[in-house]
Amino acid sequence: MIHTIQVDLVLRETVATPYRDLVTRPTGAAVRTWIQQQVSRLACHTTLLDFSAVGLLDFSCADEIVAKLLLGTSPDAERFFLLRGLTEDQREAIDHVLDHHALAIAELDGPDAPPSVLGRLNVDARAAFRAVAEGGPGDAAGLASRLEWPVERAADALQTLALLRLVAAEGGSYQPLAVA
């Protein structure tokens, strides 16, 4: 199950503004704090942040909301985040700040499109992400077979994805977040 948070509604509630624009670091920090509090109370492990009704997203808010949300999540917590509804400008701002922090996050592009990744991800991990997103859950041996790689290479790529919380790892199997 995935819990969806409409980021524009969080903005209106936390900052009490009629605007749809996420600008200034204090605004981003307020929105992130609200999201963190909400997520900490959820039994659901995967949260989808929906930006579809947000206007402008500046770099400081992208850093405060997305990067610091990922950085502030305990490595031991089974918490995963996805994004949806980004404009090209929002995508660029988020990609920039995630790359700066050596982080990555999955974006759902549409109902029939496989998810994509924003942020820093090496070529092998990006290929493995696509394979898992399009081919479904599996283990390192299955991924190695699909990509015609040695098992060790596939295992390394899957471990990178799991550490970045781009896939859910359970008992040697790796699942895309949309079905985790």
N, C-alpha and C. Protein backbone atom coordinates (compact mmCIF):
# COMPACT_ATOMS: atom_id res chain seq x y z
N MET A 1 0.84 -1.18 0.00
CA MET A 1 0.00 0.00 0.00
C MET A 1 0.89 1.25 0.00
N ILE A 2 0.47 2.25 -0.73
CA ILE A 2 1.19 3.51 -0.83
C ILE A 2 0.31 4.63 -0.28
N HIS A 3 0.88 5.44 0.62
CA HIS A 3 0.17 6.60 1.16
C HIS A 3 0.55 7.82 0.31
N THR A 4 -0.45 8.57 -0.15
CA THR A 4 -0.20 9.74 -0.99
C THR A 4 -0.35 11.02 -0.17
N ILE A 5 0.61 11.92 -0.33
CA ILE A 5 0.55 13.25 0.28
C ILE A 5 0.52 14.28 -0.83
N GLN A 6 -0.52 15.08 -0.85
CA GLN A 6 -0.65 16.17 -1.81
C GLN A 6 0.17 17.35 -1.27
N VAL A 7 1.30 17.63 -1.88
CA VAL A 7 2.23 18.62 -1.36
C VAL A 7 1.61 20.03 -1.35
N ASP A 8 0.77 20.34 -2.32
CA ASP A 8 0.14 21.67 -2.33
C ASP A 8 -0.77 21.87 -1.12
N LEU A 9 -1.44 20.82 -0.68
CA LEU A 9 -2.30 20.92 0.51
C LEU A 9 -1.47 21.09 1.77
N VAL A 10 -0.33 20.43 1.82
CA VAL A 10 0.59 20.58 2.96
C VAL A 10 1.08 22.02 3.01
N LEU A 11 1.43 22.58 1.86
CA LEU A 11 1.88 23.97 1.79
C LEU A 11 0.81 24.91 2.35
N ARG A 12 -0.42 24.74 1.90
CA ARG A 12 -1.51 25.61 2.37
C ARG A 12 -1.74 25.47 3.87
N GLU A 13 -1.62 24.26 4.39
CA GLU A 13 -1.86 24.01 5.81
C GLU A 13 -0.72 24.53 6.68
N THR A 14 0.51 24.32 6.26
CA THR A 14 1.66 24.67 7.10
C THR A 14 2.03 26.15 7.03
N VAL A 15 1.86 26.75 5.89
CA VAL A 15 2.28 28.14 5.73
C VAL A 15 1.09 29.09 5.63
N ALA A 16 -0.10 28.52 5.51
CA ALA A 16 -1.33 29.31 5.41
C ALA A 16 -1.23 30.34 4.30
N THR A 17 -0.94 29.86 3.11
CA THR A 17 -0.82 30.75 1.95
C THR A 17 -1.77 30.27 0.85
N PRO A 18 -2.31 31.21 0.09
CA PRO A 18 -3.17 30.81 -1.02
C PRO A 18 -2.36 30.42 -2.26
N TYR A 19 -1.05 30.59 -2.20
CA TYR A 19 -0.21 30.34 -3.36
C TYR A 19 0.16 28.87 -3.48
N ARG A 20 0.51 28.46 -4.69
CA ARG A 20 0.91 27.08 -4.96
C ARG A 20 2.41 26.94 -5.13
N ASP A 21 3.16 28.00 -4.87
CA ASP A 21 4.59 28.00 -5.12
C ASP A 21 5.37 27.65 -3.86
N LEU A 22 6.34 26.77 -4.02
CA LEU A 22 7.23 26.38 -2.93
C LEU A 22 8.54 27.14 -3.10
N VAL A 23 8.65 28.24 -2.37
CA VAL A 23 9.84 29.07 -2.43
C VAL A 23 10.26 29.43 -1.01
N THR A 24 11.51 29.62 -0.80
CA THR A 24 12.21 29.95 0.44
C THR A 24 12.47 28.71 1.29
N ARG A 25 13.62 28.73 1.90
CA ARG A 25 14.04 27.61 2.75
C ARG A 25 13.11 27.40 3.95
N PRO A 26 12.65 28.46 4.64
CA PRO A 26 11.74 28.22 5.76
C PRO A 26 10.42 27.55 5.33
N THR A 27 9.94 27.90 4.16
CA THR A 27 8.73 27.25 3.65
C THR A 27 8.98 25.76 3.42
N GLY A 28 10.09 25.45 2.77
CA GLY A 28 10.43 24.05 2.53
C GLY A 28 10.61 23.28 3.82
N ALA A 29 11.24 23.90 4.82
CA ALA A 29 11.45 23.23 6.11
C ALA A 29 10.12 22.95 6.79
N ALA A 30 9.18 23.89 6.72
CA ALA A 30 7.87 23.69 7.33
C ALA A 30 7.11 22.54 6.65
N VAL A 31 7.16 22.49 5.33
CA VAL A 31 6.50 21.42 4.59
C VAL A 31 7.14 20.08 4.91
N ARG A 32 8.47 20.02 4.92
CA ARG A 32 9.17 18.77 5.25
C ARG A 32 8.84 18.29 6.65
N THR A 33 8.83 19.20 7.62
CA THR A 33 8.52 18.83 9.00
C THR A 33 7.13 18.22 9.09
N TRP A 34 6.15 18.80 8.40
CA TRP A 34 4.79 18.25 8.39
C TRP A 34 4.80 16.85 7.79
N ILE A 35 5.50 16.69 6.68
CA ILE A 35 5.56 15.37 6.02
C ILE A 35 6.23 14.35 6.96
N GLN A 36 7.33 14.72 7.60
CA GLN A 36 8.01 13.80 8.51
C GLN A 36 7.10 13.38 9.66
N GLN A 37 6.36 14.32 10.22
CA GLN A 37 5.44 13.98 11.30
C GLN A 37 4.35 13.04 10.83
N GLN A 38 3.81 13.29 9.65
CA GLN A 38 2.76 12.44 9.10
C GLN A 38 3.30 11.03 8.84
N VAL A 39 4.46 10.94 8.19
CA VAL A 39 5.04 9.65 7.84
C VAL A 39 5.38 8.84 9.09
N SER A 40 5.81 9.51 10.15
CA SER A 40 6.18 8.79 11.38
C SER A 40 4.96 8.10 12.01
N ARG A 41 3.77 8.57 11.72
CA ARG A 41 2.55 7.98 12.28
C ARG A 41 1.94 6.91 11.38
N LEU A 42 2.47 6.74 10.19
CA LEU A 42 1.89 5.80 9.23
C LEU A 42 2.37 4.38 9.44
N ALA A 43 1.48 3.44 9.27
CA ALA A 43 1.88 2.03 9.26
C ALA A 43 2.42 1.67 7.88
N CYS A 44 2.03 2.43 6.87
CA CYS A 44 2.46 2.21 5.49
C CYS A 44 3.93 2.60 5.34
N HIS A 45 4.69 1.82 4.60
CA HIS A 45 6.12 2.07 4.46
C HIS A 45 6.47 2.95 3.26
N THR A 46 5.56 3.09 2.29
CA THR A 46 5.86 3.85 1.08
C THR A 46 4.96 5.07 0.99
N THR A 47 5.58 6.22 0.78
CA THR A 47 4.84 7.48 0.68
C THR A 47 5.10 8.10 -0.68
N LEU A 48 4.02 8.49 -1.33
CA LEU A 48 4.08 9.17 -2.63
C LEU A 48 3.84 10.65 -2.40
N LEU A 49 4.80 11.46 -2.78
CA LEU A 49 4.64 12.92 -2.70
C LEU A 49 4.16 13.42 -4.05
N ASP A 50 2.94 13.94 -4.07
CA ASP A 50 2.32 14.38 -5.32
C ASP A 50 2.48 15.89 -5.46
N PHE A 51 3.25 16.29 -6.46
CA PHE A 51 3.53 17.71 -6.73
C PHE A 51 2.64 18.27 -7.85
N SER A 52 1.65 17.53 -8.30
CA SER A 52 0.92 17.91 -9.50
C SER A 52 0.19 19.24 -9.39
N ALA A 53 -0.17 19.70 -8.19
CA ALA A 53 -0.84 20.99 -8.05
C ALA A 53 0.08 22.07 -7.50
N VAL A 54 1.38 21.80 -7.48
CA VAL A 54 2.37 22.78 -7.03
C VAL A 54 2.84 23.59 -8.23
N GLY A 55 3.00 24.88 -8.03
CA GLY A 55 3.51 25.74 -9.11
C GLY A 55 5.02 25.68 -9.14
N LEU A 56 5.66 26.74 -8.74
CA LEU A 56 7.11 26.85 -8.74
C LEU A 56 7.70 26.07 -7.57
N LEU A 57 8.82 25.43 -7.80
CA LEU A 57 9.61 24.76 -6.76
C LEU A 57 11.04 25.24 -6.93
N ASP A 58 11.51 26.07 -6.00
CA ASP A 58 12.88 26.56 -6.13
C ASP A 58 13.87 25.56 -5.54
N PHE A 59 15.16 25.81 -5.77
CA PHE A 59 16.20 24.89 -5.34
C PHE A 59 16.21 24.73 -3.81
N SER A 60 15.98 25.82 -3.08
CA SER A 60 16.03 25.72 -1.62
C SER A 60 14.89 24.85 -1.09
N CYS A 61 13.72 24.94 -1.68
CA CYS A 61 12.61 24.08 -1.25
C CYS A 61 12.82 22.64 -1.71
N ALA A 62 13.37 22.45 -2.88
CA ALA A 62 13.69 21.08 -3.33
C ALA A 62 14.68 20.45 -2.36
N ASP A 63 15.66 21.22 -1.91
CA ASP A 63 16.63 20.72 -0.96
C ASP A 63 15.98 20.42 0.38
N GLU A 64 15.19 21.36 0.90
CA GLU A 64 14.55 21.19 2.20
C GLU A 64 13.54 20.05 2.21
N ILE A 65 12.73 19.96 1.17
CA ILE A 65 11.65 18.97 1.18
C ILE A 65 12.16 17.60 0.79
N VAL A 66 12.77 17.47 -0.36
CA VAL A 66 13.10 16.14 -0.88
C VAL A 66 14.45 15.64 -0.34
N ALA A 67 15.52 16.41 -0.52
CA ALA A 67 16.84 15.93 -0.08
C ALA A 67 16.89 15.73 1.42
N LYS A 68 16.45 16.70 2.19
CA LYS A 68 16.52 16.57 3.65
C LYS A 68 15.53 15.53 4.18
N LEU A 69 14.44 15.31 3.48
CA LEU A 69 13.53 14.24 3.87
C LEU A 69 14.24 12.89 3.74
N LEU A 70 14.94 12.70 2.63
CA LEU A 70 15.69 11.46 2.45
C LEU A 70 16.85 11.35 3.44
N LEU A 71 17.58 12.44 3.62
CA LEU A 71 18.70 12.43 4.55
C LEU A 71 18.26 12.22 6.00
N GLY A 72 17.07 12.69 6.34
CA GLY A 72 16.57 12.58 7.71
C GLY A 72 15.88 11.27 8.04
N THR A 73 15.78 10.38 7.07
CA THR A 73 15.15 9.10 7.30
C THR A 73 16.21 8.12 7.79
N SER A 74 15.95 7.52 8.92
CA SER A 74 16.91 6.59 9.52
C SER A 74 17.22 5.45 8.57
N PRO A 75 18.50 5.07 8.48
CA PRO A 75 18.87 3.94 7.61
C PRO A 75 18.17 2.64 8.01
N ASP A 76 17.80 2.53 9.29
CA ASP A 76 17.15 1.32 9.77
C ASP A 76 15.65 1.30 9.51
N ALA A 77 15.08 2.45 9.24
CA ALA A 77 13.64 2.53 9.01
C ALA A 77 13.29 2.00 7.62
N GLU A 78 12.23 1.26 7.55
CA GLU A 78 11.76 0.78 6.25
C GLU A 78 10.80 1.81 5.67
N ARG A 79 11.34 2.94 5.28
CA ARG A 79 10.56 4.03 4.70
C ARG A 79 11.04 4.29 3.29
N PHE A 80 10.08 4.42 2.38
CA PHE A 80 10.39 4.66 0.98
C PHE A 80 9.57 5.84 0.50
N PHE A 81 10.13 6.60 -0.43
CA PHE A 81 9.44 7.77 -0.98
C PHE A 81 9.47 7.71 -2.50
N LEU A 82 8.37 8.15 -3.10
CA LEU A 82 8.23 8.28 -4.54
C LEU A 82 7.70 9.68 -4.82
N LEU A 83 7.93 10.16 -6.04
CA LEU A 83 7.41 11.46 -6.46
C LEU A 83 6.48 11.26 -7.64
N ARG A 84 5.53 12.19 -7.76
CA ARG A 84 4.61 12.16 -8.91
C ARG A 84 4.19 13.60 -9.22
N GLY A 85 3.87 13.84 -10.48
CA GLY A 85 3.28 15.11 -10.88
C GLY A 85 4.26 16.25 -11.04
N LEU A 86 5.51 15.94 -11.33
CA LEU A 86 6.52 16.99 -11.46
C LEU A 86 6.49 17.64 -12.84
N THR A 87 6.69 18.95 -12.86
CA THR A 87 6.93 19.65 -14.12
C THR A 87 8.41 19.49 -14.45
N GLU A 88 8.79 19.87 -15.63
CA GLU A 88 10.20 19.77 -16.02
C GLU A 88 11.08 20.64 -15.13
N ASP A 89 10.62 21.85 -14.78
CA ASP A 89 11.41 22.72 -13.91
C ASP A 89 11.55 22.14 -12.50
N GLN A 90 10.49 21.56 -11.98
CA GLN A 90 10.55 20.93 -10.66
C GLN A 90 11.50 19.74 -10.69
N ARG A 91 11.39 18.95 -11.74
CA ARG A 91 12.25 17.78 -11.90
C ARG A 91 13.73 18.20 -11.92
N GLU A 92 14.02 19.28 -12.64
CA GLU A 92 15.39 19.78 -12.73
C GLU A 92 15.91 20.22 -11.37
N ALA A 93 15.10 20.94 -10.60
CA ALA A 93 15.51 21.41 -9.27
C ALA A 93 15.78 20.23 -8.34
N ILE A 94 14.87 19.25 -8.34
CA ILE A 94 15.04 18.08 -7.46
C ILE A 94 16.24 17.26 -7.89
N ASP A 95 16.38 17.04 -9.18
CA ASP A 95 17.52 16.27 -9.69
C ASP A 95 18.84 16.93 -9.27
N HIS A 96 18.91 18.24 -9.37
CA HIS A 96 20.12 18.99 -9.03
C HIS A 96 20.49 18.80 -7.55
N VAL A 97 19.52 18.99 -6.65
CA VAL A 97 19.85 18.90 -5.22
C VAL A 97 20.15 17.46 -4.81
N LEU A 98 19.47 16.49 -5.41
CA LEU A 98 19.75 15.10 -5.08
C LEU A 98 21.13 14.70 -5.57
N ASP A 99 21.50 15.15 -6.75
CA ASP A 99 22.84 14.86 -7.27
C ASP A 99 23.90 15.47 -6.35
N HIS A 100 23.66 16.66 -5.87
CA HIS A 100 24.58 17.34 -4.95
C HIS A 100 24.79 16.52 -3.68
N HIS A 101 23.75 15.88 -3.17
CA HIS A 101 23.81 15.10 -1.93
C HIS A 101 24.11 13.61 -2.18
N ALA A 102 24.32 13.23 -3.44
CA ALA A 102 24.54 11.82 -3.80
C ALA A 102 23.36 10.95 -3.38
N LEU A 103 22.15 11.46 -3.65
CA LEU A 103 20.91 10.76 -3.34
C LEU A 103 20.14 10.50 -4.62
N ALA A 104 19.12 9.67 -4.53
CA ALA A 104 18.24 9.42 -5.68
C ALA A 104 16.85 9.10 -5.16
N ILE A 105 15.86 9.32 -6.02
CA ILE A 105 14.47 9.02 -5.70
C ILE A 105 13.76 8.61 -6.98
N ALA A 106 12.76 7.77 -6.84
CA ALA A 106 11.99 7.32 -8.00
C ALA A 106 10.83 8.27 -8.25
N GLU A 107 10.55 8.46 -9.53
CA GLU A 107 9.43 9.30 -9.95
C GLU A 107 8.49 8.45 -10.79
N LEU A 108 7.21 8.53 -10.47
CA LEU A 108 6.19 7.88 -11.28
C LEU A 108 5.76 8.87 -12.35
N ASP A 109 6.04 8.52 -13.60
CA ASP A 109 5.79 9.44 -14.72
C ASP A 109 4.36 9.41 -15.22
N GLY A 110 3.68 8.31 -15.07
CA GLY A 110 2.31 8.19 -15.55
C GLY A 110 1.79 6.81 -15.21
N PRO A 111 0.49 6.60 -15.40
CA PRO A 111 -0.10 5.32 -14.99
C PRO A 111 0.44 4.11 -15.74
N ASP A 112 0.85 4.29 -16.98
CA ASP A 112 1.33 3.16 -17.77
C ASP A 112 2.84 3.17 -17.98
N ALA A 113 3.50 4.21 -17.53
CA ALA A 113 4.95 4.32 -17.74
C ALA A 113 5.69 3.77 -16.53
N PRO A 114 6.81 3.11 -16.77
CA PRO A 114 7.61 2.65 -15.63
C PRO A 114 8.22 3.86 -14.91
N PRO A 115 8.53 3.72 -13.62
CA PRO A 115 9.13 4.84 -12.90
C PRO A 115 10.52 5.16 -13.43
N SER A 116 10.94 6.38 -13.20
CA SER A 116 12.29 6.81 -13.56
C SER A 116 12.99 7.27 -12.28
N VAL A 117 14.26 7.61 -12.40
CA VAL A 117 15.05 8.00 -11.23
C VAL A 117 15.57 9.42 -11.40
N LEU A 118 15.47 10.20 -10.34
CA LEU A 118 16.09 11.52 -10.27
C LEU A 118 17.24 11.44 -9.28
N GLY A 119 18.30 12.17 -9.56
CA GLY A 119 19.44 12.21 -8.65
C GLY A 119 20.62 11.42 -9.18
N ARG A 120 21.54 11.12 -8.26
CA ARG A 120 22.79 10.47 -8.64
C ARG A 120 22.65 8.96 -8.57
N LEU A 121 22.90 8.33 -9.70
CA LEU A 121 22.84 6.87 -9.79
C LEU A 121 23.78 6.45 -10.91
N ASN A 122 24.66 5.48 -10.62
CA ASN A 122 25.61 5.05 -11.65
C ASN A 122 24.89 4.27 -12.76
N VAL A 123 25.59 4.02 -13.83
CA VAL A 123 25.00 3.41 -15.02
C VAL A 123 24.44 2.01 -14.72
N ASP A 124 25.19 1.20 -13.97
CA ASP A 124 24.71 -0.15 -13.66
C ASP A 124 23.44 -0.11 -12.80
N ALA A 125 23.45 0.74 -11.78
CA ALA A 125 22.27 0.84 -10.91
C ALA A 125 21.06 1.36 -11.69
N ARG A 126 21.28 2.29 -12.62
CA ARG A 126 20.18 2.81 -13.43
C ARG A 126 19.59 1.70 -14.32
N ALA A 127 20.46 0.89 -14.92
CA ALA A 127 19.99 -0.22 -15.75
C ALA A 127 19.25 -1.25 -14.90
N ALA A 128 19.77 -1.53 -13.72
CA ALA A 128 19.11 -2.48 -12.81
C ALA A 128 17.76 -1.95 -12.37
N PHE A 129 17.68 -0.65 -12.09
CA PHE A 129 16.41 -0.05 -11.69
C PHE A 129 15.36 -0.23 -12.79
N ARG A 130 15.75 0.08 -14.02
CA ARG A 130 14.82 -0.09 -15.16
C ARG A 130 14.37 -1.54 -15.28
N ALA A 131 15.32 -2.46 -15.13
CA ALA A 131 14.99 -3.88 -15.26
C ALA A 131 14.01 -4.33 -14.18
N VAL A 132 14.22 -3.88 -12.95
CA VAL A 132 13.32 -4.25 -11.86
C VAL A 132 11.96 -3.56 -12.04
N ALA A 133 11.98 -2.29 -12.43
CA ALA A 133 10.73 -1.55 -12.62
C ALA A 133 9.88 -2.15 -13.73
N GLU A 134 10.53 -2.58 -14.80
CA GLU A 134 9.80 -3.13 -15.94
C GLU A 134 9.54 -4.62 -15.83
N GLY A 135 10.48 -5.35 -15.20
CA GLY A 135 10.37 -6.81 -15.15
C GLY A 135 9.82 -7.36 -13.85
N GLY A 136 9.69 -6.51 -12.85
CA GLY A 136 9.14 -6.97 -11.58
C GLY A 136 10.20 -7.49 -10.64
N PRO A 137 9.73 -8.01 -9.49
CA PRO A 137 10.65 -8.45 -8.45
C PRO A 137 11.54 -9.59 -8.90
N GLY A 138 12.68 -9.69 -8.24
CA GLY A 138 13.59 -10.78 -8.54
C GLY A 138 14.83 -10.70 -7.68
N ASP A 139 15.73 -11.63 -7.91
CA ASP A 139 16.98 -11.66 -7.16
C ASP A 139 18.14 -11.33 -8.10
N ALA A 140 19.35 -11.36 -7.54
CA ALA A 140 20.54 -11.00 -8.33
C ALA A 140 20.75 -11.94 -9.50
N ALA A 141 20.50 -13.23 -9.30
CA ALA A 141 20.69 -14.20 -10.40
C ALA A 141 19.72 -13.92 -11.54
N GLY A 142 18.48 -13.63 -11.20
CA GLY A 142 17.48 -13.32 -12.23
C GLY A 142 17.81 -12.05 -12.98
N LEU A 143 18.25 -11.02 -12.25
CA LEU A 143 18.62 -9.77 -12.89
C LEU A 143 19.84 -9.97 -13.79
N ALA A 144 20.81 -10.73 -13.29
CA ALA A 144 22.01 -11.00 -14.09
C ALA A 144 21.65 -11.69 -15.40
N SER A 145 20.70 -12.61 -15.33
CA SER A 145 20.26 -13.31 -16.53
C SER A 145 19.58 -12.35 -17.50
N ARG A 146 18.70 -11.50 -16.98
CA ARG A 146 17.98 -10.54 -17.83
C ARG A 146 18.91 -9.55 -18.51
N LEU A 147 19.93 -9.09 -17.77
CA LEU A 147 20.83 -8.07 -18.31
C LEU A 147 22.11 -8.64 -18.91
N GLU A 148 22.24 -9.96 -18.85
CA GLU A 148 23.44 -10.64 -19.34
C GLU A 148 24.69 -10.10 -18.66
N TRP A 149 24.63 -10.05 -17.33
CA TRP A 149 25.71 -9.59 -16.49
C TRP A 149 26.18 -10.75 -15.61
N PRO A 150 27.38 -10.64 -15.05
CA PRO A 150 27.77 -11.58 -13.98
C PRO A 150 26.89 -11.33 -12.75
N VAL A 151 26.65 -12.35 -11.97
CA VAL A 151 25.78 -12.23 -10.79
C VAL A 151 26.31 -11.19 -9.81
N GLU A 152 27.62 -11.10 -9.65
CA GLU A 152 28.20 -10.13 -8.72
C GLU A 152 27.87 -8.70 -9.14
N ARG A 153 27.91 -8.43 -10.42
CA ARG A 153 27.59 -7.09 -10.92
C ARG A 153 26.13 -6.76 -10.64
N ALA A 154 25.25 -7.72 -10.88
CA ALA A 154 23.83 -7.51 -10.61
C ALA A 154 23.59 -7.32 -9.12
N ALA A 155 24.26 -8.11 -8.29
CA ALA A 155 24.10 -8.00 -6.84
C ALA A 155 24.56 -6.63 -6.35
N ASP A 156 25.68 -6.13 -6.88
CA ASP A 156 26.17 -4.81 -6.50
C ASP A 156 25.16 -3.72 -6.88
N ALA A 157 24.62 -3.81 -8.09
CA ALA A 157 23.65 -2.81 -8.54
C ALA A 157 22.38 -2.85 -7.68
N LEU A 158 21.91 -4.04 -7.36
CA LEU A 158 20.71 -4.17 -6.52
C LEU A 158 20.95 -3.65 -5.11
N GLN A 159 22.14 -3.91 -4.59
CA GLN A 159 22.48 -3.41 -3.25
C GLN A 159 22.50 -1.88 -3.25
N THR A 160 23.04 -1.28 -4.29
CA THR A 160 23.03 0.18 -4.41
C THR A 160 21.60 0.71 -4.42
N LEU A 161 20.73 0.07 -5.19
CA LEU A 161 19.32 0.49 -5.24
C LEU A 161 18.65 0.36 -3.88
N ALA A 162 18.94 -0.72 -3.16
CA ALA A 162 18.35 -0.92 -1.84
C ALA A 162 18.86 0.13 -0.85
N LEU A 163 20.16 0.43 -0.89
CA LEU A 163 20.72 1.43 0.02
C LEU A 163 20.13 2.82 -0.24
N LEU A 164 19.83 3.11 -1.49
CA LEU A 164 19.22 4.40 -1.84
C LEU A 164 17.69 4.38 -1.70
N ARG A 165 17.16 3.24 -1.28
CA ARG A 165 15.71 3.06 -1.09
C ARG A 165 14.91 3.23 -2.38
N LEU A 166 15.50 2.75 -3.46
CA LEU A 166 14.82 2.78 -4.75
C LEU A 166 14.09 1.47 -5.05
N VAL A 167 14.44 0.44 -4.31
CA VAL A 167 13.75 -0.85 -4.36
C VAL A 167 13.64 -1.34 -2.92
N ALA A 168 12.70 -2.23 -2.69
CA ALA A 168 12.55 -2.85 -1.38
C ALA A 168 13.22 -4.21 -1.41
N ALA A 169 14.13 -4.45 -0.48
CA ALA A 169 14.85 -5.72 -0.40
C ALA A 169 14.22 -6.56 0.70
N GLU A 170 13.92 -7.80 0.34
CA GLU A 170 13.33 -8.71 1.32
C GLU A 170 13.73 -10.13 1.02
N GLY A 171 14.53 -10.71 1.89
CA GLY A 171 14.91 -12.11 1.73
C GLY A 171 15.62 -12.43 0.43
N GLY A 172 16.50 -11.54 -0.03
CA GLY A 172 17.23 -11.78 -1.27
C GLY A 172 16.50 -11.39 -2.53
N SER A 173 15.24 -10.94 -2.38
CA SER A 173 14.46 -10.50 -3.54
C SER A 173 14.32 -8.99 -3.48
N TYR A 174 14.29 -8.37 -4.65
CA TYR A 174 14.20 -6.92 -4.75
C TYR A 174 12.94 -6.58 -5.52
N GLN A 175 12.13 -5.68 -4.92
CA GLN A 175 10.84 -5.33 -5.53
C GLN A 175 10.79 -3.84 -5.88
N PRO A 176 10.13 -3.51 -6.99
CA PRO A 176 9.90 -2.09 -7.26
C PRO A 176 8.97 -1.53 -6.20
N LEU A 177 9.13 -0.26 -5.87
CA LEU A 177 8.35 0.33 -4.79
C LEU A 177 6.86 0.39 -5.07
N ALA A 178 6.49 0.49 -6.32
CA ALA A 178 5.07 0.59 -6.64
C ALA A 178 4.31 -0.66 -6.22
N VAL A 179 5.00 -1.78 -6.05
CA VAL A 179 4.33 -3.01 -5.62
C VAL A 179 4.84 -3.49 -4.27
N ALA A 180 5.72 -2.70 -3.65
CA ALA A 180 6.30 -3.13 -2.37
C ALA A 180 5.27 -3.03 -1.26
